[in-house]
Amino acid sequence: VFKHYFEEFEEQFLRDNFVVVYELLYEMMDFCYPQYTEAKILSKFFKIDAYRMEVNERHPMAVTNSVSWRSKGIRYIKNEVFLDGITQEVAIIELTKSSDS
């Protein structure tokens, strides 16, 4: 089944794609009983192309928080962050009437 889904089947590849392997095992076994062990049946649940990792040269704009109207390549010498803090203080004052005379 794994050879049907993945082209290579090595230890590092299993570590990198642990979630996909775990999901396949989860669908294949139900309460420790084999359920779906045929690759053709499992391919209805898991699409092969959905798990192929393709490296794009540019990340999507939603990931990088880019804005379309901003010029590219702007660099700043120093980054500054200004924070306004609001504090609340509580004081308990004990007033006692004392007669020292």
PDB file of N, CA and C in Angstrom:
ATOM      1  N   VAL A   1       0.832  -1.192   0.000  1.00  0.00           N
ATOM      2  CA  VAL A   1       0.000   0.000   0.000  1.00  0.00           C
ATOM      3  C   VAL A   1       0.873   1.251   0.000  1.00  0.00           C
ATOM      4  N   PHE A   2       1.929   1.245   0.823  1.00  0.00           N
ATOM      5  CA  PHE A   2       2.781   2.432   0.883  1.00  0.00           C
ATOM      6  C   PHE A   2       3.564   2.630  -0.413  1.00  0.00           C
ATOM      7  N   LYS A   3       3.940   1.552  -1.063  1.00  0.00           N
ATOM      8  CA  LYS A   3       4.633   1.691  -2.344  1.00  0.00           C
ATOM      9  C   LYS A   3       3.705   2.241  -3.415  1.00  0.00           C
ATOM     10  N   HIS A   4       2.414   1.992  -3.271  1.00  0.00           N
ATOM     11  CA  HIS A   4       1.442   2.558  -4.196  1.00  0.00           C
ATOM     12  C   HIS A   4       1.330   4.072  -4.002  1.00  0.00           C
ATOM     13  N   TYR A   5       1.384   4.532  -2.760  1.00  0.00           N
ATOM     14  CA  TYR A   5       1.227   5.951  -2.472  1.00  0.00           C
ATOM     15  C   TYR A   5       2.524   6.735  -2.613  1.00  0.00           C
ATOM     16  N   PHE A   6       3.624   6.142  -2.196  1.00  0.00           N
ATOM     17  CA  PHE A   6       4.899   6.857  -2.185  1.00  0.00           C
ATOM     18  C   PHE A   6       5.868   6.175  -3.132  1.00  0.00           C
ATOM     19  N   GLU A   7       6.662   6.968  -3.814  1.00  0.00           N
ATOM     20  CA  GLU A   7       7.641   6.418  -4.743  1.00  0.00           C
ATOM     21  C   GLU A   7       8.811   5.792  -3.999  1.00  0.00           C
ATOM     22  N   GLU A   8       9.225   6.423  -2.926  1.00  0.00           N
ATOM     23  CA  GLU A   8      10.337   5.893  -2.140  1.00  0.00           C
ATOM     24  C   GLU A   8       9.836   5.572  -0.739  1.00  0.00           C
ATOM     25  N   PHE A   9      10.431   4.583  -0.144  1.00  0.00           N
ATOM     26  CA  PHE A   9       9.962   4.118   1.157  1.00  0.00           C
ATOM     27  C   PHE A   9      11.179   3.925   2.055  1.00  0.00           C
ATOM     28  N   GLU A  10      11.647   5.031   2.640  1.00  0.00           N
ATOM     29  CA  GLU A  10      12.828   5.014   3.487  1.00  0.00           C
ATOM     30  C   GLU A  10      12.489   5.634   4.834  1.00  0.00           C
ATOM     31  N   GLU A  11      13.393   5.483   5.780  1.00  0.00           N
ATOM     32  CA  GLU A  11      13.145   5.956   7.142  1.00  0.00           C
ATOM     33  C   GLU A  11      12.930   7.469   7.189  1.00  0.00           C
ATOM     34  N   GLN A  12      13.782   8.229   6.534  1.00  0.00           N
ATOM     35  CA  GLN A  12      13.649   9.687   6.557  1.00  0.00           C
ATOM     36  C   GLN A  12      12.359  10.132   5.878  1.00  0.00           C
ATOM     37  N   PHE A  13      11.967   9.433   4.833  1.00  0.00           N
ATOM     38  CA  PHE A  13      10.722   9.767   4.148  1.00  0.00           C
ATOM     39  C   PHE A  13       9.524   9.518   5.058  1.00  0.00           C
ATOM     40  N   LEU A  14       9.580   8.440   5.842  1.00  0.00           N
ATOM     41  CA  LEU A  14       8.498   8.163   6.795  1.00  0.00           C
ATOM     42  C   LEU A  14       8.430   9.227   7.880  1.00  0.00           C
ATOM     43  N   ARG A  15       9.578   9.701   8.322  1.00  0.00           N
ATOM     44  CA  ARG A  15       9.593  10.757   9.341  1.00  0.00           C
ATOM     45  C   ARG A  15       9.031  12.062   8.790  1.00  0.00           C
ATOM     46  N   ASP A  16       9.372  12.376   7.567  1.00  0.00           N
ATOM     47  CA  ASP A  16       8.892  13.623   6.966  1.00  0.00           C
ATOM     48  C   ASP A  16       7.396  13.589   6.682  1.00  0.00           C
ATOM     49  N   ASN A  17       6.852  12.420   6.374  1.00  0.00           N
ATOM     50  CA  ASN A  17       5.436  12.281   6.021  1.00  0.00           C
ATOM     51  C   ASN A  17       4.688  11.448   7.052  1.00  0.00           C
ATOM     52  N   PHE A  18       4.993  11.681   8.312  1.00  0.00           N
ATOM     53  CA  PHE A  18       4.402  10.882   9.383  1.00  0.00           C
ATOM     54  C   PHE A  18       2.884  10.995   9.418  1.00  0.00           C
ATOM     55  N   VAL A  19       2.363  12.172   9.174  1.00  0.00           N
ATOM     56  CA  VAL A  19       0.914  12.387   9.253  1.00  0.00           C
ATOM     57  C   VAL A  19       0.188  11.566   8.191  1.00  0.00           C
ATOM     58  N   VAL A  20       0.714  11.546   6.993  1.00  0.00           N
ATOM     59  CA  VAL A  20       0.078  10.786   5.916  1.00  0.00           C
ATOM     60  C   VAL A  20       0.149   9.293   6.211  1.00  0.00           C
ATOM     61  N   VAL A  21       1.298   8.828   6.691  1.00  0.00           N
ATOM     62  CA  VAL A  21       1.448   7.411   7.030  1.00  0.00           C
ATOM     63  C   VAL A  21       0.497   7.043   8.157  1.00  0.00           C
ATOM     64  N   TYR A  22       0.382   7.916   9.145  1.00  0.00           N
ATOM     65  CA  TYR A  22      -0.521   7.658  10.267  1.00  0.00           C
ATOM     66  C   TYR A  22      -1.976   7.585   9.794  1.00  0.00           C
ATOM     67  N   GLU A  23      -2.375   8.480   8.909  1.00  0.00           N
ATOM     68  CA  GLU A  23      -3.745   8.465   8.395  1.00  0.00           C
ATOM     69  C   GLU A  23      -4.024   7.209   7.573  1.00  0.00           C
ATOM     70  N   LEU A  24      -3.047   6.780   6.800  1.00  0.00           N
ATOM     71  CA  LEU A  24      -3.226   5.535   6.049  1.00  0.00           C
ATOM     72  C   LEU A  24      -3.372   4.339   6.989  1.00  0.00           C
ATOM     73  N   LEU A  25      -2.539   4.275   8.017  1.00  0.00           N
ATOM     74  CA  LEU A  25      -2.652   3.185   8.989  1.00  0.00           C
ATOM     75  C   LEU A  25      -3.979   3.243   9.734  1.00  0.00           C
ATOM     76  N   TYR A  26      -4.444   4.443  10.007  1.00  0.00           N
ATOM     77  CA  TYR A  26      -5.718   4.612  10.705  1.00  0.00           C
ATOM     78  C   TYR A  26      -6.882   4.083   9.867  1.00  0.00           C
ATOM     79  N   GLU A  27      -6.838   4.331   8.557  1.00  0.00           N
ATOM     80  CA  GLU A  27      -7.894   3.829   7.682  1.00  0.00           C
ATOM     81  C   GLU A  27      -7.770   2.326   7.441  1.00  0.00           C
ATOM     82  N   MET A  28      -6.544   1.822   7.465  1.00  0.00           N
ATOM     83  CA  MET A  28      -6.349   0.393   7.221  1.00  0.00           C
ATOM     84  C   MET A  28      -6.747  -0.455   8.422  1.00  0.00           C
ATOM     85  N   MET A  29      -6.579   0.074   9.620  1.00  0.00           N
ATOM     86  CA  MET A  29      -6.877  -0.690  10.835  1.00  0.00           C
ATOM     87  C   MET A  29      -7.985   0.013  11.614  1.00  0.00           C
ATOM     88  N   ASP A  30      -8.971  -0.753  12.057  1.00  0.00           N
ATOM     89  CA  ASP A  30     -10.050  -0.202  12.865  1.00  0.00           C
ATOM     90  C   ASP A  30     -10.183  -1.068  14.110  1.00  0.00           C
ATOM     91  N   PHE A  31      -9.827  -0.490  15.249  1.00  0.00           N
ATOM     92  CA  PHE A  31      -9.817  -1.226  16.520  1.00  0.00           C
ATOM     93  C   PHE A  31      -8.964  -2.491  16.413  1.00  0.00           C
ATOM     94  N   CYS A  32      -7.799  -2.344  15.793  1.00  0.00           N
ATOM     95  CA  CYS A  32      -6.804  -3.421  15.618  1.00  0.00           C
ATOM     96  C   CYS A  32      -7.267  -4.531  14.687  1.00  0.00           C
ATOM     97  N   TYR A  33      -8.290  -4.300  13.913  1.00  0.00           N
ATOM     98  CA  TYR A  33      -8.743  -5.271  12.915  1.00  0.00           C
ATOM     99  C   TYR A  33      -8.522  -4.678  11.530  1.00  0.00           C
ATOM    100  N   PRO A  34      -7.966  -5.444  10.605  1.00  0.00           N
ATOM    101  CA  PRO A  34      -7.751  -4.914   9.252  1.00  0.00           C
ATOM    102  C   PRO A  34      -9.079  -4.577   8.574  1.00  0.00           C
ATOM    103  N   GLN A  35      -9.148  -3.401   7.996  1.00  0.00           N
ATOM    104  CA  GLN A  35     -10.364  -2.969   7.309  1.00  0.00           C
ATOM    105  C   GLN A  35     -10.123  -2.829   5.813  1.00  0.00           C
ATOM    106  N   TYR A  36      -9.410  -1.787   5.442  1.00  0.00           N
ATOM    107  CA  TYR A  36      -9.136  -1.526   4.028  1.00  0.00           C
ATOM    108  C   TYR A  36      -7.650  -1.741   3.788  1.00  0.00           C
ATOM    109  N   THR A  37      -7.303  -2.778   3.084  1.00  0.00           N
ATOM    110  CA  THR A  37      -5.893  -3.041   2.807  1.00  0.00           C
ATOM    111  C   THR A  37      -5.565  -2.968   1.323  1.00  0.00           C
ATOM    112  N   GLU A  38      -6.548  -2.749   0.502  1.00  0.00           N
ATOM    113  CA  GLU A  38      -6.316  -2.624  -0.934  1.00  0.00           C
ATOM    114  C   GLU A  38      -6.020  -1.165  -1.279  1.00  0.00           C
ATOM    115  N   ALA A  39      -4.999  -0.970  -2.080  1.00  0.00           N
ATOM    116  CA  ALA A  39      -4.612   0.382  -2.463  1.00  0.00           C
ATOM    117  C   ALA A  39      -5.696   1.060  -3.297  1.00  0.00           C
ATOM    118  N   LYS A  40      -6.439   0.296  -4.087  1.00  0.00           N
ATOM    119  CA  LYS A  40      -7.498   0.883  -4.918  1.00  0.00           C
ATOM    120  C   LYS A  40      -8.640   1.415  -4.063  1.00  0.00           C
ATOM    121  N   ILE A  41      -8.967   0.704  -3.002  1.00  0.00           N
ATOM    122  CA  ILE A  41     -10.036   1.169  -2.106  1.00  0.00           C
ATOM    123  C   ILE A  41      -9.569   2.393  -1.327  1.00  0.00           C
ATOM    124  N   LEU A  42      -8.325   2.356  -0.844  1.00  0.00           N
ATOM    125  CA  LEU A  42      -7.799   3.491  -0.084  1.00  0.00           C
ATOM    126  C   LEU A  42      -7.628   4.731  -0.951  1.00  0.00           C
ATOM    127  N   SER A  43      -7.414   4.542  -2.249  1.00  0.00           N
ATOM    128  CA  SER A  43      -7.243   5.706  -3.117  1.00  0.00           C
ATOM    129  C   SER A  43      -8.533   6.511  -3.256  1.00  0.00           C
ATOM    130  N   LYS A  44      -9.675   5.924  -2.899  1.00  0.00           N
ATOM    131  CA  LYS A  44     -10.923   6.693  -2.880  1.00  0.00           C
ATOM    132  C   LYS A  44     -10.939   7.676  -1.716  1.00  0.00           C
ATOM    133  N   PHE A  45     -10.287   7.295  -0.617  1.00  0.00           N
ATOM    134  CA  PHE A  45     -10.229   8.163   0.556  1.00  0.00           C
ATOM    135  C   PHE A  45      -9.078   9.158   0.476  1.00  0.00           C
ATOM    136  N   PHE A  46      -7.937   8.694  -0.001  1.00  0.00           N
ATOM    137  CA  PHE A  46      -6.737   9.527  -0.072  1.00  0.00           C
ATOM    138  C   PHE A  46      -6.319   9.676  -1.519  1.00  0.00           C
ATOM    139  N   LYS A  47      -6.276  10.898  -1.960  1.00  0.00           N
ATOM    140  CA  LYS A  47      -5.822  11.174  -3.320  1.00  0.00           C
ATOM    141  C   LYS A  47      -4.307  11.229  -3.329  1.00  0.00           C
ATOM    142  N   ILE A  48      -3.706  10.566  -4.287  1.00  0.00           N
ATOM    143  CA  ILE A  48      -2.249  10.458  -4.325  1.00  0.00           C
ATOM    144  C   ILE A  48      -1.608  11.818  -4.554  1.00  0.00           C
ATOM    145  N   ASP A  49      -2.121  12.594  -5.477  1.00  0.00           N
ATOM    146  CA  ASP A  49      -1.504  13.869  -5.813  1.00  0.00           C
ATOM    147  C   ASP A  49      -1.610  14.881  -4.686  1.00  0.00           C
ATOM    148  N   ALA A  50      -2.547  14.717  -3.799  1.00  0.00           N
ATOM    149  CA  ALA A  50      -2.713  15.689  -2.718  1.00  0.00           C
ATOM    150  C   ALA A  50      -1.556  15.650  -1.738  1.00  0.00           C
ATOM    151  N   TYR A  51      -0.840  14.545  -1.665  1.00  0.00           N
ATOM    152  CA  TYR A  51       0.226  14.419  -0.690  1.00  0.00           C
ATOM    153  C   TYR A  51       1.614  14.550  -1.287  1.00  0.00           C
ATOM    154  N   ARG A  52       1.696  14.791  -2.574  1.00  0.00           N
ATOM    155  CA  ARG A  52       3.004  14.992  -3.176  1.00  0.00           C
ATOM    156  C   ARG A  52       3.452  16.406  -2.851  1.00  0.00           C
ATOM    157  N   MET A  53       4.644  16.506  -2.330  1.00  0.00           N
ATOM    158  CA  MET A  53       5.157  17.820  -1.956  1.00  0.00           C
ATOM    159  C   MET A  53       5.842  18.452  -3.159  1.00  0.00           C
ATOM    160  N   GLU A  54       5.392  19.609  -3.521  1.00  0.00           N
ATOM    161  CA  GLU A  54       6.020  20.357  -4.594  1.00  0.00           C
ATOM    162  C   GLU A  54       6.570  21.642  -4.006  1.00  0.00           C
ATOM    163  N   VAL A  55       7.805  21.929  -4.304  1.00  0.00           N
ATOM    164  CA  VAL A  55       8.443  23.123  -3.776  1.00  0.00           C
ATOM    165  C   VAL A  55       8.256  24.243  -4.782  1.00  0.00           C
ATOM    166  N   ASN A  56       7.586  25.294  -4.353  1.00  0.00           N
ATOM    167  CA  ASN A  56       7.399  26.464  -5.203  1.00  0.00           C
ATOM    168  C   ASN A  56       8.495  27.472  -4.899  1.00  0.00           C
ATOM    169  N   GLU A  57       8.852  28.243  -5.895  1.00  0.00           N
ATOM    170  CA  GLU A  57       9.877  29.251  -5.682  1.00  0.00           C
ATOM    171  C   GLU A  57       9.358  30.383  -4.803  1.00  0.00           C
ATOM    172  N   ARG A  58       8.109  30.756  -4.962  1.00  0.00           N
ATOM    173  CA  ARG A  58       7.525  31.829  -4.156  1.00  0.00           C
ATOM    174  C   ARG A  58       6.430  31.248  -3.291  1.00  0.00           C
ATOM    175  N   HIS A  59       6.364  31.741  -2.082  1.00  0.00           N
ATOM    176  CA  HIS A  59       5.290  31.340  -1.188  1.00  0.00           C
ATOM    177  C   HIS A  59       4.023  32.101  -1.561  1.00  0.00           C
ATOM    178  N   PRO A  60       2.858  31.566  -1.268  1.00  0.00           N
ATOM    179  CA  PRO A  60       1.628  32.309  -1.529  1.00  0.00           C
ATOM    180  C   PRO A  60       1.583  33.591  -0.703  1.00  0.00           C
ATOM    181  N   MET A  61       0.875  34.590  -1.209  1.00  0.00           N
ATOM    182  CA  MET A  61       0.829  35.878  -0.524  1.00  0.00           C
ATOM    183  C   MET A  61       0.185  35.772   0.848  1.00  0.00           C
ATOM    184  N   ALA A  62      -0.748  34.863   1.033  1.00  0.00           N
ATOM    185  CA  ALA A  62      -1.396  34.728   2.330  1.00  0.00           C
ATOM    186  C   ALA A  62      -0.422  34.231   3.392  1.00  0.00           C
ATOM    187  N   VAL A  63       0.563  33.449   2.996  1.00  0.00           N
ATOM    188  CA  VAL A  63       1.530  32.915   3.955  1.00  0.00           C
ATOM    189  C   VAL A  63       2.533  33.977   4.368  1.00  0.00           C
ATOM    190  N   THR A  64       2.992  34.759   3.420  1.00  0.00           N
ATOM    191  CA  THR A  64       4.030  35.744   3.711  1.00  0.00           C
ATOM    192  C   THR A  64       3.468  37.070   4.189  1.00  0.00           C
ATOM    193  N   ASN A  65       2.155  37.202   4.218  1.00  0.00           N
ATOM    194  CA  ASN A  65       1.499  38.441   4.633  1.00  0.00           C
ATOM    195  C   ASN A  65       1.913  39.602   3.730  1.00  0.00           C
ATOM    196  N   SER A  66       2.128  39.315   2.461  1.00  0.00           N
ATOM    197  CA  SER A  66       2.512  40.344   1.500  1.00  0.00           C
ATOM    198  C   SER A  66       1.296  41.164   1.091  1.00  0.00           C
ATOM    199  N   VAL A  67       1.561  42.383   0.739  1.00  0.00           N
ATOM    200  CA  VAL A  67       0.503  43.242   0.217  1.00  0.00           C
ATOM    201  C   VAL A  67       0.858  43.605  -1.219  1.00  0.00           C
ATOM    202  N   SER A  68      -0.131  43.583  -2.082  1.00  0.00           N
ATOM    203  CA  SER A  68       0.136  43.766  -3.503  1.00  0.00           C
ATOM    204  C   SER A  68       0.598  45.186  -3.844  1.00  0.00           C
ATOM    205  N   TRP A  69       0.208  46.174  -3.054  1.00  0.00           N
ATOM    206  CA  TRP A  69       0.535  47.548  -3.390  1.00  0.00           C
ATOM    207  C   TRP A  69       1.900  47.979  -2.873  1.00  0.00           C
ATOM    208  N   ARG A  70       2.539  47.171  -2.053  1.00  0.00           N
ATOM    209  CA  ARG A  70       3.820  47.560  -1.471  1.00  0.00           C
ATOM    210  C   ARG A  70       4.964  47.207  -2.420  1.00  0.00           C
ATOM    211  N   SER A  71       5.927  48.103  -2.542  1.00  0.00           N
ATOM    212  CA  SER A  71       7.089  47.851  -3.402  1.00  0.00           C
ATOM    213  C   SER A  71       7.917  46.706  -2.840  1.00  0.00           C
ATOM    214  N   LYS A  72       8.547  45.954  -3.728  1.00  0.00           N
ATOM    215  CA  LYS A  72       9.353  44.816  -3.291  1.00  0.00           C
ATOM    216  C   LYS A  72      10.761  45.266  -2.946  1.00  0.00           C
ATOM    217  N   GLY A  73      11.377  44.567  -2.016  1.00  0.00           N
ATOM    218  CA  GLY A  73      12.773  44.824  -1.682  1.00  0.00           C
ATOM    219  C   GLY A  73      12.991  45.948  -0.698  1.00  0.00           C
ATOM    220  N   ILE A  74      11.975  46.419  -0.018  1.00  0.00           N
ATOM    221  CA  ILE A  74      12.157  47.482   0.965  1.00  0.00           C
ATOM    222  C   ILE A  74      12.779  46.882   2.219  1.00  0.00           C
ATOM    223  N   ARG A  75      13.880  47.483   2.671  1.00  0.00           N
ATOM    224  CA  ARG A  75      14.559  47.033   3.884  1.00  0.00           C
ATOM    225  C   ARG A  75      14.708  48.231   4.819  1.00  0.00           C
ATOM    226  N   TYR A  76      14.570  47.990   6.088  1.00  0.00           N
ATOM    227  CA  TYR A  76      14.719  49.038   7.082  1.00  0.00           C
ATOM    228  C   TYR A  76      15.974  48.777   7.903  1.00  0.00           C
ATOM    229  N   ILE A  77      16.640  49.878   8.326  1.00  0.00           N
ATOM    230  CA  ILE A  77      17.868  49.744   9.102  1.00  0.00           C
ATOM    231  C   ILE A  77      17.576  49.182  10.484  1.00  0.00           C
ATOM    232  N   LYS A  78      16.550  49.698  11.122  1.00  0.00           N
ATOM    233  CA  LYS A  78      16.207  49.172  12.443  1.00  0.00           C
ATOM    234  C   LYS A  78      14.699  48.992  12.532  1.00  0.00           C
ATOM    235  N   ASN A  79      14.318  47.971  13.214  1.00  0.00           N
ATOM    236  CA  ASN A  79      12.908  47.694  13.442  1.00  0.00           C
ATOM    237  C   ASN A  79      12.562  48.148  14.849  1.00  0.00           C
ATOM    238  N   GLU A  80      11.494  48.914  14.981  1.00  0.00           N
ATOM    239  CA  GLU A  80      11.087  49.424  16.286  1.00  0.00           C
ATOM    240  C   GLU A  80       9.657  49.011  16.572  1.00  0.00           C
ATOM    241  N   VAL A  81       9.419  48.739  17.817  1.00  0.00           N
ATOM    242  CA  VAL A  81       8.078  48.407  18.276  1.00  0.00           C
ATOM    243  C   VAL A  81       7.789  49.296  19.467  1.00  0.00           C
ATOM    244  N   PHE A  82       6.656  49.965  19.453  1.00  0.00           N
ATOM    245  CA  PHE A  82       6.245  50.811  20.558  1.00  0.00           C
ATOM    246  C   PHE A  82       5.029  50.190  21.221  1.00  0.00           C
ATOM    247  N   LEU A  83       5.094  50.035  22.519  1.00  0.00           N
ATOM    248  CA  LEU A  83       3.998  49.440  23.267  1.00  0.00           C
ATOM    249  C   LEU A  83       3.485  50.439  24.293  1.00  0.00           C
ATOM    250  N   ASP A  84       2.192  50.571  24.377  1.00  0.00           N
ATOM    251  CA  ASP A  84       1.571  51.379  25.415  1.00  0.00           C
ATOM    252  C   ASP A  84       1.072  50.437  26.492  1.00  0.00           C
ATOM    253  N   GLY A  85       1.466  50.716  27.710  1.00  0.00           N
ATOM    254  CA  GLY A  85       1.033  49.867  28.814  1.00  0.00           C
ATOM    255  C   GLY A  85       0.036  50.598  29.693  1.00  0.00           C
ATOM    256  N   ILE A  86      -0.985  49.926  30.088  1.00  0.00           N
ATOM    257  CA  ILE A  86      -1.987  50.490  30.990  1.00  0.00           C
ATOM    258  C   ILE A  86      -1.914  49.690  32.278  1.00  0.00           C
ATOM    259  N   THR A  87      -1.700  50.390  33.362  1.00  0.00           N
ATOM    260  CA  THR A  87      -1.611  49.708  34.651  1.00  0.00           C
ATOM    261  C   THR A  87      -2.740  50.174  35.543  1.00  0.00           C
ATOM    262  N   GLN A  88      -3.119  49.313  36.427  1.00  0.00           N
ATOM    263  CA  GLN A  88      -4.154  49.636  37.402  1.00  0.00           C
ATOM    264  C   GLN A  88      -3.576  49.313  38.769  1.00  0.00           C
ATOM    265  N   GLU A  89      -3.606  50.301  39.640  1.00  0.00           N
ATOM    266  CA  GLU A  89      -3.041  50.114  40.968  1.00  0.00           C
ATOM    267  C   GLU A  89      -4.146  50.217  42.000  1.00  0.00           C
ATOM    268  N   VAL A  90      -4.070  49.362  42.981  1.00  0.00           N
ATOM    269  CA  VAL A  90      -5.043  49.357  44.068  1.00  0.00           C
ATOM    270  C   VAL A  90      -4.279  49.626  45.350  1.00  0.00           C
ATOM    271  N   ALA A  91      -4.754  50.580  46.120  1.00  0.00           N
ATOM    272  CA  ALA A  91      -4.109  50.908  47.395  1.00  0.00           C
ATOM    273  C   ALA A  91      -5.150  50.840  48.501  1.00  0.00           C
ATOM    274  N   ILE A  92      -4.757  50.243  49.588  1.00  0.00           N
ATOM    275  CA  ILE A  92      -5.630  50.177  50.762  1.00  0.00           C
ATOM    276  C   ILE A  92      -5.014  51.074  51.829  1.00  0.00           C
ATOM    277  N   ILE A  93      -5.763  52.049  52.226  1.00  0.00           N
ATOM    278  CA  ILE A  93      -5.289  53.001  53.228  1.00  0.00           C
ATOM    279  C   ILE A  93      -6.141  52.824  54.471  1.00  0.00           C
ATOM    280  N   GLU A  94      -5.468  52.637  55.574  1.00  0.00           N
ATOM    281  CA  GLU A  94      -6.195  52.441  56.823  1.00  0.00           C
ATOM    282  C   GLU A  94      -6.204  53.759  57.580  1.00  0.00           C
ATOM    283  N   LEU A  95      -7.372  54.259  57.824  1.00  0.00           N
ATOM    284  CA  LEU A  95      -7.521  55.505  58.566  1.00  0.00           C
ATOM    285  C   LEU A  95      -7.971  55.171  59.985  1.00  0.00           C
ATOM    286  N   THR A  96      -7.149  55.521  60.897  1.00  0.00           N
ATOM    287  CA  THR A  96      -7.529  55.306  62.301  1.00  0.00           C
ATOM    288  C   THR A  96      -7.469  56.629  63.028  1.00  0.00           C
ATOM    289  N   LYS A  97      -8.365  56.783  63.942  1.00  0.00           N
ATOM    290  CA  LYS A  97      -8.411  58.013  64.721  1.00  0.00           C
ATOM    291  C   LYS A  97      -7.633  57.750  66.005  1.00  0.00           C
ATOM    292  N   SER A  98      -6.556  58.439  66.140  1.00  0.00           N
ATOM    293  CA  SER A  98      -5.765  58.247  67.353  1.00  0.00           C
ATOM    294  C   SER A  98      -5.690  59.541  68.136  1.00  0.00           C
ATOM    295  N   SER A  99      -5.738  59.418  69.414  1.00  0.00           N
ATOM    296  CA  SER A  99      -5.634  60.610  70.274  1.00  0.00           C
ATOM    297  C   SER A  99      -4.339  60.495  71.049  1.00  0.00           C
ATOM    298  N   ASP A 100      -3.417  61.347  70.710  1.00  0.00           N
ATOM    299  CA  ASP A 100      -2.105  61.329  71.348  1.00  0.00           C
ATOM    300  C   ASP A 100      -2.038  62.297  72.529  1.00  0.00           C
ATOM    301  N   SER A 101      -3.077  62.972  72.884  1.00  0.00           N
ATOM    302  CA  SER A 101      -2.992  63.944  73.953  1.00  0.00           C
ATOM    303  C   SER A 101      -3.267  63.387  75.301  1.00  0.00           C
TER     304      SER A 101
END
